[in-house]
Amino acid sequence: MPEPDQGFYGKTAVEMITGAAVQKDGTVYGIFKKVQGYTEFNESDPEEQQGYYFPFILKKKGSTMTFKKNGERRKSSGKRTMCSGLKKMTGSKYW
């Protein structure tokens, strides 16, 4: 998990989540805070500028990365390395 003061597109991790922990099985614990007016996340889509976001930092390198939501594959990235990221959370299972 990122440090509380780690920046993500103009917001800090503590502005999005507190008490965060990720278990080995991928389960995330913490209190997600509703963020509003998050224009730096997606300047062109107002619907993407508010909601619940999960800030994260990847410490391992690889050739691909797959995002899953509740066990279902959502998208993959072919980027060689990703140091940090931000994922907007949707759905009732996140809060």
PDB file of N, CA and C in Angstrom:
ATOM      1  N   MET A   1       0.846  -1.188   0.000  1.00  0.00           N
ATOM      2  CA  MET A   1       0.000   0.000   0.000  1.00  0.00           C
ATOM      3  C   MET A   1       0.884   1.241   0.000  1.00  0.00           C
ATOM      4  N   PRO A   2       0.401   2.277  -0.664  1.00  0.00           N
ATOM      5  CA  PRO A   2       1.188   3.515  -0.692  1.00  0.00           C
ATOM      6  C   PRO A   2       1.180   4.215   0.668  1.00  0.00           C
ATOM      7  N   GLU A   3       2.178   5.065   0.858  1.00  0.00           N
ATOM      8  CA  GLU A   3       2.226   5.908   2.049  1.00  0.00           C
ATOM      9  C   GLU A   3       1.047   6.884   1.981  1.00  0.00           C
ATOM     10  N   PRO A   4       0.520   7.331   3.132  1.00  0.00           N
ATOM     11  CA  PRO A   4      -0.635   8.231   3.136  1.00  0.00           C
ATOM     12  C   PRO A   4      -0.447   9.502   2.310  1.00  0.00           C
ATOM     13  N   ASP A   5       0.795  10.013   2.262  1.00  0.00           N
ATOM     14  CA  ASP A   5       1.025  11.264   1.535  1.00  0.00           C
ATOM     15  C   ASP A   5       1.447  11.051   0.075  1.00  0.00           C
ATOM     16  N   GLN A   6       1.452   9.797  -0.388  1.00  0.00           N
ATOM     17  CA  GLN A   6       1.794   9.500  -1.784  1.00  0.00           C
ATOM     18  C   GLN A   6       0.772  10.148  -2.708  1.00  0.00           C
ATOM     19  N   GLY A   7       1.249  10.849  -3.718  1.00  0.00           N
ATOM     20  CA  GLY A   7       0.367  11.547  -4.647  1.00  0.00           C
ATOM     21  C   GLY A   7      -0.091  10.691  -5.808  1.00  0.00           C
ATOM     22  N   PHE A   8      -1.341  10.888  -6.212  1.00  0.00           N
ATOM     23  CA  PHE A   8      -1.942  10.220  -7.350  1.00  0.00           C
ATOM     24  C   PHE A   8      -2.791  11.233  -8.106  1.00  0.00           C
ATOM     25  N   TYR A   9      -2.231  11.836  -9.148  1.00  0.00           N
ATOM     26  CA  TYR A   9      -2.971  12.794  -9.979  1.00  0.00           C
ATOM     27  C   TYR A   9      -3.614  13.913  -9.159  1.00  0.00           C
ATOM     28  N   GLY A  10      -2.857  14.487  -8.251  1.00  0.00           N
ATOM     29  CA  GLY A  10      -3.341  15.628  -7.497  1.00  0.00           C
ATOM     30  C   GLY A  10      -4.067  15.314  -6.197  1.00  0.00           C
ATOM     31  N   LYS A  11      -4.245  14.067  -5.866  1.00  0.00           N
ATOM     32  CA  LYS A  11      -4.837  13.654  -4.586  1.00  0.00           C
ATOM     33  C   LYS A  11      -3.836  12.755  -3.880  1.00  0.00           C
ATOM     34  N   THR A  12      -3.918  12.679  -2.570  1.00  0.00           N
ATOM     35  CA  THR A  12      -3.055  11.771  -1.820  1.00  0.00           C
ATOM     36  C   THR A  12      -3.824  10.502  -1.473  1.00  0.00           C
ATOM     37  N   ALA A  13      -3.087   9.460  -1.172  1.00  0.00           N
ATOM     38  CA  ALA A  13      -3.707   8.181  -0.829  1.00  0.00           C
ATOM     39  C   ALA A  13      -4.672   8.327   0.343  1.00  0.00           C
ATOM     40  N   VAL A  14      -4.299   9.112   1.357  1.00  0.00           N
ATOM     41  CA  VAL A  14      -5.149   9.265   2.537  1.00  0.00           C
ATOM     42  C   VAL A  14      -6.460  10.000   2.220  1.00  0.00           C
ATOM     43  N   GLU A  15      -6.493  10.742   1.126  1.00  0.00           N
ATOM     44  CA  GLU A  15      -7.745  11.381   0.711  1.00  0.00           C
ATOM     45  C   GLU A  15      -8.718  10.372   0.103  1.00  0.00           C
ATOM     46  N   MET A  16      -8.201   9.188  -0.256  1.00  0.00           N
ATOM     47  CA  MET A  16      -9.032   8.165  -0.905  1.00  0.00           C
ATOM     48  C   MET A  16      -9.338   6.971  -0.018  1.00  0.00           C
ATOM     49  N   ILE A  17      -8.390   6.598   0.858  1.00  0.00           N
ATOM     50  CA  ILE A  17      -8.574   5.393   1.669  1.00  0.00           C
ATOM     51  C   ILE A  17      -7.756   5.515   2.953  1.00  0.00           C
ATOM     52  N   THR A  18      -8.288   4.983   4.059  1.00  0.00           N
ATOM     53  CA  THR A  18      -7.537   4.919   5.316  1.00  0.00           C
ATOM     54  C   THR A  18      -7.600   3.499   5.859  1.00  0.00           C
ATOM     55  N   GLY A  19      -6.616   3.154   6.654  1.00  0.00           N
ATOM     56  CA  GLY A  19      -6.581   1.825   7.265  1.00  0.00           C
ATOM     57  C   GLY A  19      -6.476   0.714   6.249  1.00  0.00           C
ATOM     58  N   ALA A  20      -5.795   0.961   5.151  1.00  0.00           N
ATOM     59  CA  ALA A  20      -5.753   0.005   4.055  1.00  0.00           C
ATOM     60  C   ALA A  20      -4.751  -1.108   4.278  1.00  0.00           C
ATOM     61  N   ALA A  21      -5.140  -2.302   3.878  1.00  0.00           N
ATOM     62  CA  ALA A  21      -4.258  -3.463   3.896  1.00  0.00           C
ATOM     63  C   ALA A  21      -4.708  -4.408   2.792  1.00  0.00           C
ATOM     64  N   VAL A  22      -3.749  -5.031   2.136  1.00  0.00           N
ATOM     65  CA  VAL A  22      -4.048  -6.023   1.108  1.00  0.00           C
ATOM     66  C   VAL A  22      -3.507  -7.360   1.595  1.00  0.00           C
ATOM     67  N   GLN A  23      -4.382  -8.346   1.677  1.00  0.00           N
ATOM     68  CA  GLN A  23      -3.979  -9.683   2.111  1.00  0.00           C
ATOM     69  C   GLN A  23      -3.317 -10.431   0.955  1.00  0.00           C
ATOM     70  N   LYS A  24      -2.640 -11.528   1.246  1.00  0.00           N
ATOM     71  CA  LYS A  24      -1.976 -12.318   0.208  1.00  0.00           C
ATOM     72  C   LYS A  24      -2.951 -12.826  -0.848  1.00  0.00           C
ATOM     73  N   ASP A  25      -4.197 -13.068  -0.460  1.00  0.00           N
ATOM     74  CA  ASP A  25      -5.177 -13.560  -1.433  1.00  0.00           C
ATOM     75  C   ASP A  25      -5.798 -12.436  -2.266  1.00  0.00           C
ATOM     76  N   GLY A  26      -5.350 -11.187  -2.034  1.00  0.00           N
ATOM     77  CA  GLY A  26      -5.854 -10.056  -2.807  1.00  0.00           C
ATOM     78  C   GLY A  26      -6.999  -9.307  -2.155  1.00  0.00           C
ATOM     79  N   THR A  27      -7.489  -9.784  -1.026  1.00  0.00           N
ATOM     80  CA  THR A  27      -8.569  -9.101  -0.321  1.00  0.00           C
ATOM     81  C   THR A  27      -8.066  -7.765   0.208  1.00  0.00           C
ATOM     82  N   VAL A  28      -8.843  -6.717  -0.021  1.00  0.00           N
ATOM     83  CA  VAL A  28      -8.469  -5.372   0.412  1.00  0.00           C
ATOM     84  C   VAL A  28      -9.346  -4.959   1.594  1.00  0.00           C
ATOM     85  N   TYR A  29      -8.708  -4.481   2.641  1.00  0.00           N
ATOM     86  CA  TYR A  29      -9.418  -3.950   3.795  1.00  0.00           C
ATOM     87  C   TYR A  29      -9.105  -2.471   3.922  1.00  0.00           C
ATOM     88  N   GLY A  30     -10.070  -1.689   4.350  1.00  0.00           N
ATOM     89  CA  GLY A  30      -9.851  -0.269   4.564  1.00  0.00           C
ATOM     90  C   GLY A  30     -11.151   0.485   4.431  1.00  0.00           C
ATOM     91  N   ILE A  31     -11.072   1.760   4.672  1.00  0.00           N
ATOM     92  CA  ILE A  31     -12.240   2.630   4.542  1.00  0.00           C
ATOM     93  C   ILE A  31     -12.031   3.499   3.315  1.00  0.00           C
ATOM     94  N   PHE A  32     -12.843   3.256   2.286  1.00  0.00           N
ATOM     95  CA  PHE A  32     -12.783   4.060   1.073  1.00  0.00           C
ATOM     96  C   PHE A  32     -13.592   5.329   1.293  1.00  0.00           C
ATOM     97  N   LYS A  33     -12.995   6.453   0.937  1.00  0.00           N
ATOM     98  CA  LYS A  33     -13.655   7.749   1.085  1.00  0.00           C
ATOM     99  C   LYS A  33     -14.170   8.205  -0.275  1.00  0.00           C
ATOM    100  N   LYS A  34     -15.351   8.777  -0.301  1.00  0.00           N
ATOM    101  CA  LYS A  34     -15.876   9.295  -1.559  1.00  0.00           C
ATOM    102  C   LYS A  34     -15.113  10.568  -1.926  1.00  0.00           C
ATOM    103  N   VAL A  35     -14.559  10.582  -3.129  1.00  0.00           N
ATOM    104  CA  VAL A  35     -13.784  11.713  -3.625  1.00  0.00           C
ATOM    105  C   VAL A  35     -14.634  12.456  -4.642  1.00  0.00           C
ATOM    106  N   GLN A  36     -14.649  13.780  -4.549  1.00  0.00           N
ATOM    107  CA  GLN A  36     -15.413  14.592  -5.499  1.00  0.00           C
ATOM    108  C   GLN A  36     -14.488  15.639  -6.114  1.00  0.00           C
ATOM    109  N   GLY A  37     -14.813  16.071  -7.305  1.00  0.00           N
ATOM    110  CA  GLY A  37     -14.027  17.103  -7.968  1.00  0.00           C
ATOM    111  C   GLY A  37     -12.630  16.646  -8.346  1.00  0.00           C
ATOM    112  N   TYR A  38     -12.480  15.392  -8.718  1.00  0.00           N
ATOM    113  CA  TYR A  38     -11.179  14.807  -9.027  1.00  0.00           C
ATOM    114  C   TYR A  38     -10.884  14.966 -10.522  1.00  0.00           C
ATOM    115  N   THR A  39     -10.713  16.211 -10.935  1.00  0.00           N
ATOM    116  CA  THR A  39     -10.560  16.522 -12.359  1.00  0.00           C
ATOM    117  C   THR A  39      -9.276  15.966 -12.958  1.00  0.00           C
ATOM    118  N   GLU A  40      -8.224  15.812 -12.174  1.00  0.00           N
ATOM    119  CA  GLU A  40      -6.962  15.307 -12.721  1.00  0.00           C
ATOM    120  C   GLU A  40      -7.015  13.813 -13.031  1.00  0.00           C
ATOM    121  N   PHE A  41      -8.007  13.105 -12.495  1.00  0.00           N
ATOM    122  CA  PHE A  41      -8.146  11.686 -12.813  1.00  0.00           C
ATOM    123  C   PHE A  41      -8.621  11.507 -14.255  1.00  0.00           C
ATOM    124  N   ASN A  42      -9.609  12.297 -14.661  1.00  0.00           N
ATOM    125  CA  ASN A  42     -10.110  12.261 -16.037  1.00  0.00           C
ATOM    126  C   ASN A  42     -10.749  13.608 -16.336  1.00  0.00           C
ATOM    127  N   GLU A  43      -9.971  14.490 -16.946  1.00  0.00           N
ATOM    128  CA  GLU A  43     -10.441  15.848 -17.206  1.00  0.00           C
ATOM    129  C   GLU A  43     -11.616  15.912 -18.174  1.00  0.00           C
ATOM    130  N   SER A  44     -11.737  14.948 -19.070  1.00  0.00           N
ATOM    131  CA  SER A  44     -12.763  15.024 -20.115  1.00  0.00           C
ATOM    132  C   SER A  44     -14.092  14.362 -19.741  1.00  0.00           C
ATOM    133  N   ASP A  45     -14.140  13.575 -18.664  1.00  0.00           N
ATOM    134  CA  ASP A  45     -15.376  12.866 -18.307  1.00  0.00           C
ATOM    135  C   ASP A  45     -15.769  13.183 -16.862  1.00  0.00           C
ATOM    136  N   PRO A  46     -16.746  14.083 -16.679  1.00  0.00           N
ATOM    137  CA  PRO A  46     -17.164  14.466 -15.324  1.00  0.00           C
ATOM    138  C   PRO A  46     -17.627  13.283 -14.464  1.00  0.00           C
ATOM    139  N   GLU A  47     -18.169  12.232 -15.081  1.00  0.00           N
ATOM    140  CA  GLU A  47     -18.620  11.066 -14.305  1.00  0.00           C
ATOM    141  C   GLU A  47     -17.447  10.336 -13.659  1.00  0.00           C
ATOM    142  N   GLU A  48     -16.256  10.469 -14.222  1.00  0.00           N
ATOM    143  CA  GLU A  48     -15.062   9.836 -13.670  1.00  0.00           C
ATOM    144  C   GLU A  48     -14.385  10.694 -12.606  1.00  0.00           C
ATOM    145  N   GLN A  49     -14.926  11.856 -12.312  1.00  0.00           N
ATOM    146  CA  GLN A  49     -14.294  12.799 -11.388  1.00  0.00           C
ATOM    147  C   GLN A  49     -14.837  12.703  -9.970  1.00  0.00           C
ATOM    148  N   GLN A  50     -15.686  11.750  -9.708  1.00  0.00           N
ATOM    149  CA  GLN A  50     -16.158  11.518  -8.347  1.00  0.00           C
ATOM    150  C   GLN A  50     -16.419  10.042  -8.153  1.00  0.00           C
ATOM    151  N   GLY A  51     -16.236   9.599  -6.934  1.00  0.00           N
ATOM    152  CA  GLY A  51     -16.461   8.190  -6.623  1.00  0.00           C
ATOM    153  C   GLY A  51     -15.424   7.683  -5.642  1.00  0.00           C
ATOM    154  N   TYR A  52     -15.235   6.380  -5.658  1.00  0.00           N
ATOM    155  CA  TYR A  52     -14.303   5.706  -4.763  1.00  0.00           C
ATOM    156  C   TYR A  52     -13.134   5.197  -5.595  1.00  0.00           C
ATOM    157  N   TYR A  53     -11.912   5.476  -5.158  1.00  0.00           N
ATOM    158  CA  TYR A  53     -10.717   5.144  -5.903  1.00  0.00           C
ATOM    159  C   TYR A  53      -9.776   4.314  -5.037  1.00  0.00           C
ATOM    160  N   PHE A  54      -9.073   3.397  -5.663  1.00  0.00           N
ATOM    161  CA  PHE A  54      -8.116   2.548  -4.968  1.00  0.00           C
ATOM    162  C   PHE A  54      -6.701   2.867  -5.457  1.00  0.00           C
ATOM    163  N   PRO A  55      -5.925   3.599  -4.655  1.00  0.00           N
ATOM    164  CA  PRO A  55      -4.545   3.895  -5.046  1.00  0.00           C
ATOM    165  C   PRO A  55      -3.646   2.704  -4.741  1.00  0.00           C
ATOM    166  N   PHE A  56      -2.728   2.401  -5.654  1.00  0.00           N
ATOM    167  CA  PHE A  56      -1.836   1.272  -5.411  1.00  0.00           C
ATOM    168  C   PHE A  56      -0.478   1.503  -6.060  1.00  0.00           C
ATOM    169  N   ILE A  57       0.504   0.766  -5.573  1.00  0.00           N
ATOM    170  CA  ILE A  57       1.851   0.773  -6.119  1.00  0.00           C
ATOM    171  C   ILE A  57       2.253  -0.678  -6.357  1.00  0.00           C
ATOM    172  N   LEU A  58       2.714  -0.958  -7.558  1.00  0.00           N
ATOM    173  CA  LEU A  58       3.194  -2.299  -7.882  1.00  0.00           C
ATOM    174  C   LEU A  58       4.701  -2.335  -7.673  1.00  0.00           C
ATOM    175  N   LYS A  59       5.159  -3.353  -6.969  1.00  0.00           N
ATOM    176  CA  LYS A  59       6.581  -3.441  -6.670  1.00  0.00           C
ATOM    177  C   LYS A  59       7.298  -4.487  -7.519  1.00  0.00           C
ATOM    178  N   LYS A  60       6.556  -5.235  -8.323  1.00  0.00           N
ATOM    179  CA  LYS A  60       7.174  -6.239  -9.175  1.00  0.00           C
ATOM    180  C   LYS A  60       7.017  -5.834 -10.626  1.00  0.00           C
ATOM    181  N   LYS A  61       8.014  -6.174 -11.425  1.00  0.00           N
ATOM    182  CA  LYS A  61       7.969  -5.889 -12.845  1.00  0.00           C
ATOM    183  C   LYS A  61       7.467  -7.122 -13.583  1.00  0.00           C
ATOM    184  N   GLY A  62       6.850  -6.888 -14.714  1.00  0.00           N
ATOM    185  CA  GLY A  62       6.376  -7.984 -15.535  1.00  0.00           C
ATOM    186  C   GLY A  62       6.028  -7.492 -16.924  1.00  0.00           C
ATOM    187  N   SER A  63       5.653  -8.406 -17.776  1.00  0.00           N
ATOM    188  CA  SER A  63       5.335  -8.022 -19.148  1.00  0.00           C
ATOM    189  C   SER A  63       3.867  -7.648 -19.314  1.00  0.00           C
ATOM    190  N   THR A  64       2.986  -8.164 -18.464  1.00  0.00           N
ATOM    191  CA  THR A  64       1.570  -7.810 -18.545  1.00  0.00           C
ATOM    192  C   THR A  64       0.981  -7.709 -17.145  1.00  0.00           C
ATOM    193  N   MET A  65      -0.150  -7.053 -17.068  1.00  0.00           N
ATOM    194  CA  MET A  65      -0.865  -6.914 -15.812  1.00  0.00           C
ATOM    195  C   MET A  65      -2.351  -7.062 -16.127  1.00  0.00           C
ATOM    196  N   THR A  66      -3.068  -7.815 -15.319  1.00  0.00           N
ATOM    197  CA  THR A  66      -4.497  -8.011 -15.519  1.00  0.00           C
ATOM    198  C   THR A  66      -5.248  -7.476 -14.322  1.00  0.00           C
ATOM    199  N   PHE A  67      -6.246  -6.633 -14.567  1.00  0.00           N
ATOM    200  CA  PHE A  67      -7.122  -6.128 -13.516  1.00  0.00           C
ATOM    201  C   PHE A  67      -8.345  -7.025 -13.440  1.00  0.00           C
ATOM    202  N   LYS A  68      -8.718  -7.390 -12.210  1.00  0.00           N
ATOM    203  CA  LYS A  68      -9.928  -8.176 -12.006  1.00  0.00           C
ATOM    204  C   LYS A  68     -10.825  -7.454 -11.024  1.00  0.00           C
ATOM    205  N   LYS A  69     -12.128  -7.559 -11.227  1.00  0.00           N
ATOM    206  CA  LYS A  69     -13.113  -7.012 -10.312  1.00  0.00           C
ATOM    207  C   LYS A  69     -14.001  -8.166  -9.892  1.00  0.00           C
ATOM    208  N   ASN A  70     -13.978  -8.475  -8.620  1.00  0.00           N
ATOM    209  CA  ASN A  70     -14.746  -9.584  -8.078  1.00  0.00           C
ATOM    210  C   ASN A  70     -14.473 -10.881  -8.850  1.00  0.00           C
ATOM    211  N   GLY A  71     -13.200 -11.096  -9.208  1.00  0.00           N
ATOM    212  CA  GLY A  71     -12.779 -12.317  -9.871  1.00  0.00           C
ATOM    213  C   GLY A  71     -12.905 -12.322 -11.377  1.00  0.00           C
ATOM    214  N   GLU A  72     -13.534 -11.323 -11.967  1.00  0.00           N
ATOM    215  CA  GLU A  72     -13.700 -11.260 -13.415  1.00  0.00           C
ATOM    216  C   GLU A  72     -12.647 -10.357 -14.039  1.00  0.00           C
ATOM    217  N   ARG A  73     -12.049 -10.824 -15.115  1.00  0.00           N
ATOM    218  CA  ARG A  73     -11.047 -10.037 -15.828  1.00  0.00           C
ATOM    219  C   ARG A  73     -11.699  -8.798 -16.430  1.00  0.00           C
ATOM    220  N   ARG A  74     -11.103  -7.639 -16.211  1.00  0.00           N
ATOM    221  CA  ARG A  74     -11.631  -6.378 -16.727  1.00  0.00           C
ATOM    222  C   ARG A  74     -10.791  -5.826 -17.859  1.00  0.00           C
ATOM    223  N   LYS A  75      -9.474  -5.789 -17.679  1.00  0.00           N
ATOM    224  CA  LYS A  75      -8.590  -5.300 -18.737  1.00  0.00           C
ATOM    225  C   LYS A  75      -7.168  -5.729 -18.436  1.00  0.00           C
ATOM    226  N   SER A  76      -6.337  -5.653 -19.452  1.00  0.00           N
ATOM    227  CA  SER A  76      -4.932  -5.981 -19.308  1.00  0.00           C
ATOM    228  C   SER A  76      -4.093  -4.826 -19.805  1.00  0.00           C
ATOM    229  N   SER A  77      -2.884  -4.757 -19.313  1.00  0.00           N
ATOM    230  CA  SER A  77      -1.938  -3.744 -19.757  1.00  0.00           C
ATOM    231  C   SER A  77      -0.708  -4.451 -20.286  1.00  0.00           C
ATOM    232  N   GLY A  78      -0.269  -4.087 -21.465  1.00  0.00           N
ATOM    233  CA  GLY A  78       0.929  -4.670 -22.034  1.00  0.00           C
ATOM    234  C   GLY A  78       2.178  -3.891 -21.689  1.00  0.00           C
ATOM    235  N   LYS A  79       2.072  -2.918 -20.811  1.00  0.00           N
ATOM    236  CA  LYS A  79       3.224  -2.098 -20.444  1.00  0.00           C
ATOM    237  C   LYS A  79       4.250  -2.938 -19.701  1.00  0.00           C
ATOM    238  N   ARG A  80       5.520  -2.670 -19.949  1.00  0.00           N
ATOM    239  CA  ARG A  80       6.583  -3.439 -19.319  1.00  0.00           C
ATOM    240  C   ARG A  80       6.654  -3.196 -17.814  1.00  0.00           C
ATOM    241  N   THR A  81       6.511  -1.957 -17.380  1.00  0.00           N
ATOM    242  CA  THR A  81       6.563  -1.674 -15.946  1.00  0.00           C
ATOM    243  C   THR A  81       5.481  -0.669 -15.594  1.00  0.00           C
ATOM    244  N   MET A  82       4.936  -0.812 -14.441  1.00  0.00           N
ATOM    245  CA  MET A  82       3.985   0.158 -13.899  1.00  0.00           C
ATOM    246  C   MET A  82       4.345   0.354 -12.442  1.00  0.00           C
ATOM    247  N   CYS A  83       4.692   1.567 -12.071  1.00  0.00           N
ATOM    248  CA  CYS A  83       5.127   1.834 -10.699  1.00  0.00           C
ATOM    249  C   CYS A  83       3.976   2.177  -9.777  1.00  0.00           C
ATOM    250  N   SER A  84       3.006   2.898 -10.283  1.00  0.00           N
ATOM    251  CA  SER A  84       1.873   3.254  -9.442  1.00  0.00           C
ATOM    252  C   SER A  84       0.644   3.346 -10.310  1.00  0.00           C
ATOM    253  N   GLY A  85      -0.499   3.325  -9.677  1.00  0.00           N
ATOM    254  CA  GLY A  85      -1.733   3.375 -10.436  1.00  0.00           C
ATOM    255  C   GLY A  85      -2.888   3.818  -9.582  1.00  0.00           C
ATOM    256  N   LEU A  86      -4.001   3.921 -10.234  1.00  0.00           N
ATOM    257  CA  LEU A  86      -5.203   4.359  -9.573  1.00  0.00           C
ATOM    258  C   LEU A  86      -6.364   3.688 -10.273  1.00  0.00           C
ATOM    259  N   LYS A  87      -7.255   3.107  -9.538  1.00  0.00           N
ATOM    260  CA  LYS A  87      -8.390   2.410 -10.112  1.00  0.00           C
ATOM    261  C   LYS A  87      -9.652   2.948  -9.492  1.00  0.00           C
ATOM    262  N   LYS A  88     -10.598   3.417 -10.326  1.00  0.00           N
ATOM    263  CA  LYS A  88     -11.879   3.864  -9.808  1.00  0.00           C
ATOM    264  C   LYS A  88     -12.702   2.634  -9.466  1.00  0.00           C
ATOM    265  N   MET A  89     -13.273   2.625  -8.284  1.00  0.00           N
ATOM    266  CA  MET A  89     -14.047   1.495  -7.806  1.00  0.00           C
ATOM    267  C   MET A  89     -15.527   1.735  -8.082  1.00  0.00           C
ATOM    268  N   THR A  90     -16.205   0.718  -8.574  1.00  0.00           N
ATOM    269  CA  THR A  90     -17.646   0.815  -8.781  1.00  0.00           C
ATOM    270  C   THR A  90     -18.281  -0.472  -8.287  1.00  0.00           C
ATOM    271  N   GLY A  91     -19.516  -0.388  -7.899  1.00  0.00           N
ATOM    272  CA  GLY A  91     -20.234  -1.560  -7.432  1.00  0.00           C
ATOM    273  C   GLY A  91     -20.320  -1.636  -5.923  1.00  0.00           C
ATOM    274  N   SER A  92     -21.371  -2.264  -5.434  1.00  0.00           N
ATOM    275  CA  SER A  92     -21.635  -2.265  -4.000  1.00  0.00           C
ATOM    276  C   SER A  92     -20.640  -3.087  -3.196  1.00  0.00           C
ATOM    277  N   LYS A  93     -19.882  -3.973  -3.817  1.00  0.00           N
ATOM    278  CA  LYS A  93     -18.947  -4.802  -3.056  1.00  0.00           C
ATOM    279  C   LYS A  93     -17.751  -4.005  -2.543  1.00  0.00           C
ATOM    280  N   TYR A  94     -17.585  -2.759  -3.003  1.00  0.00           N
ATOM    281  CA  TYR A  94     -16.433  -1.974  -2.581  1.00  0.00           C
ATOM    282  C   TYR A  94     -16.703  -1.133  -1.345  1.00  0.00           C
ATOM    283  N   TRP A  95     -17.912  -0.982  -0.911  1.00  0.00           N
ATOM    284  CA  TRP A  95     -18.160  -0.217   0.305  1.00  0.00           C
ATOM    285  C   TRP A  95     -19.369  -0.716   1.006  1.00  0.00           C
TER     286      TRP A  95
END
